[in-house]
Structure formats: C-alpha cells, structure tokens
C-alpha cells in the first residue's frame, strides 16, 4: 500500500493499482508534464514506502487516468469520498 496526500486527505492505494497508475502516467508523459510528474512520484512512493504529496495538477492527472481506464474505475469512489470527507479515507 502507498499513501497519497491529495491536499485535504490521504488516500491509500494498493501496490498493484499504484504500479498500473504509474505505468499509464508514464505512457502519457510525452503529452503532459503533470502525468510525467505523477509517474515519477508514484514510482518514488512504491520504492520508498513514504507518503507522497501531490500538487493540484498531479491530482487532476490522476483523476483523469482513473476515470478513463476501466481497470481503475473502482478508485473513483475512493477519491470522491476523500475529496468530500477527508476523515473517511
């Protein structure tokens, strides 16, 4: 599990999902600096096991990835809940 600080809340994501997010973000890195940065930060989180704080642009890139890729759609609820109720994550 990795911890992502998304501003108002901390979200826990399993290693498998985090690796998939990292790989998708890396594939989009040529089109988006935020995706590139997200990929680097997810890699750091997976290797260091430290909480990673995301900037607004990186959260936006992450949100776009999880809503666009059906393998990660289940994370939409997690992020929506964290955005509305930081205590729930």
Protein backbone atom coordinates (compact mmCIF):
# COMPACT_ATOMS: atom_id res chain seq x y z
CA UNK A 1 0.00 0.00 0.00
CA UNK A 2 1.08 3.53 -0.70
CA UNK A 3 -0.22 6.77 0.77
CA UNK A 4 -1.03 9.76 -1.40
CA UNK A 5 -1.65 13.15 0.17
CA UNK A 6 -4.13 14.76 -2.20
CA UNK A 7 -4.45 18.07 -0.38
CA UNK A 8 -7.29 17.70 2.06
CA UNK A 9 -6.95 13.96 2.60
CA UNK A 10 -4.63 10.97 2.49
CA UNK A 11 -5.66 8.13 0.20
CA UNK A 12 -4.32 4.58 0.43
CA UNK A 13 -3.81 2.69 -2.84
CA UNK A 14 -2.70 -0.90 -3.28
CA UNK A 15 0.68 -1.56 -4.88
CA UNK A 16 -0.85 -3.21 -7.93
CA UNK A 17 -3.11 -0.23 -8.66
CA UNK A 18 -0.27 2.22 -7.94
CA UNK A 19 2.01 0.40 -10.38
CA UNK A 20 -0.72 0.46 -13.05
CA UNK A 21 -1.30 4.18 -12.44
CA UNK A 22 2.45 4.82 -12.68
CA UNK A 23 2.70 2.92 -15.96
CA UNK A 24 -0.26 4.72 -17.53
CA UNK A 25 1.03 8.11 -16.36
CA UNK A 26 4.47 7.27 -17.79
CA UNK A 27 2.87 6.39 -21.13
CA UNK A 28 1.17 9.81 -21.15
CA UNK A 29 4.28 11.69 -20.02
CA UNK A 30 5.06 12.96 -23.51
CA UNK A 31 1.72 14.76 -23.65
CA UNK A 32 1.51 16.07 -20.09
CA UNK A 33 4.07 17.34 -17.60
CA UNK A 34 1.61 16.55 -14.81
CA UNK A 35 1.42 12.92 -15.95
CA UNK A 36 5.21 12.77 -16.08
CA UNK A 37 5.46 14.17 -12.55
CA UNK A 38 2.73 11.81 -11.33
CA UNK A 39 4.61 8.85 -12.77
CA UNK A 40 7.83 9.87 -11.01
CA UNK A 41 6.04 10.44 -7.69
CA UNK A 42 4.19 7.11 -7.85
CA UNK A 43 7.48 5.37 -8.54
CA UNK A 44 9.01 7.10 -5.50
CA UNK A 45 6.05 6.04 -3.36
CA UNK A 46 6.36 2.43 -4.50
CA UNK A 47 10.09 2.25 -3.83
CA UNK A 48 10.41 4.37 -0.69
CA UNK A 49 7.12 3.49 1.06
CA UNK A 50 6.84 7.13 2.13
CA UNK A 51 3.73 9.26 1.87
CA UNK A 52 3.79 11.33 -1.31
CA UNK A 53 2.12 14.74 -1.53
CA UNK A 54 0.55 15.54 -4.89
CA UNK A 55 0.13 19.01 -6.35
CA UNK A 56 -3.21 20.06 -7.85
CA UNK A 57 -2.08 19.32 -11.43
CA UNK A 58 -0.92 15.82 -10.45
CA UNK A 59 -4.22 15.10 -8.69
CA UNK A 60 -6.03 16.23 -11.84
CA UNK A 61 -3.88 13.91 -14.00
CA UNK A 62 -4.51 11.04 -11.59
CA UNK A 63 -8.25 11.70 -11.67
CA UNK A 64 -8.24 11.69 -15.48
CA UNK A 65 -6.43 8.36 -15.53
CA UNK A 66 -8.71 6.61 -13.05
CA UNK A 67 -11.86 7.80 -14.79
CA UNK A 68 -10.58 6.91 -18.27
CA UNK A 69 -9.21 3.43 -17.54
CA UNK A 70 -11.85 0.87 -16.61
CA UNK A 71 -9.30 -1.18 -14.65
CA UNK A 72 -9.03 1.70 -12.19
CA UNK A 73 -12.65 2.91 -12.10
CA UNK A 74 -13.12 1.47 -8.61
CA UNK A 75 -10.70 4.13 -7.32
CA UNK A 76 -13.06 6.91 -8.40
CA UNK A 77 -15.22 6.26 -5.33
CA UNK A 78 -12.18 6.34 -3.06
CA UNK A 79 -11.04 9.70 -4.42
CA UNK A 80 -14.55 11.16 -4.44
CA UNK A 81 -15.03 10.14 -0.82
CA UNK A 82 -11.66 11.59 0.18
CA UNK A 83 -12.49 14.87 -1.58
CA UNK A 84 -15.80 15.27 0.24
CA UNK A 85 -14.87 13.74 3.60
CA UNK A 86 -11.14 13.81 4.39
CA UNK A 87 -11.72 11.85 7.61
CA UNK A 88 -13.16 8.87 5.70
CA UNK A 89 -10.03 7.92 3.73
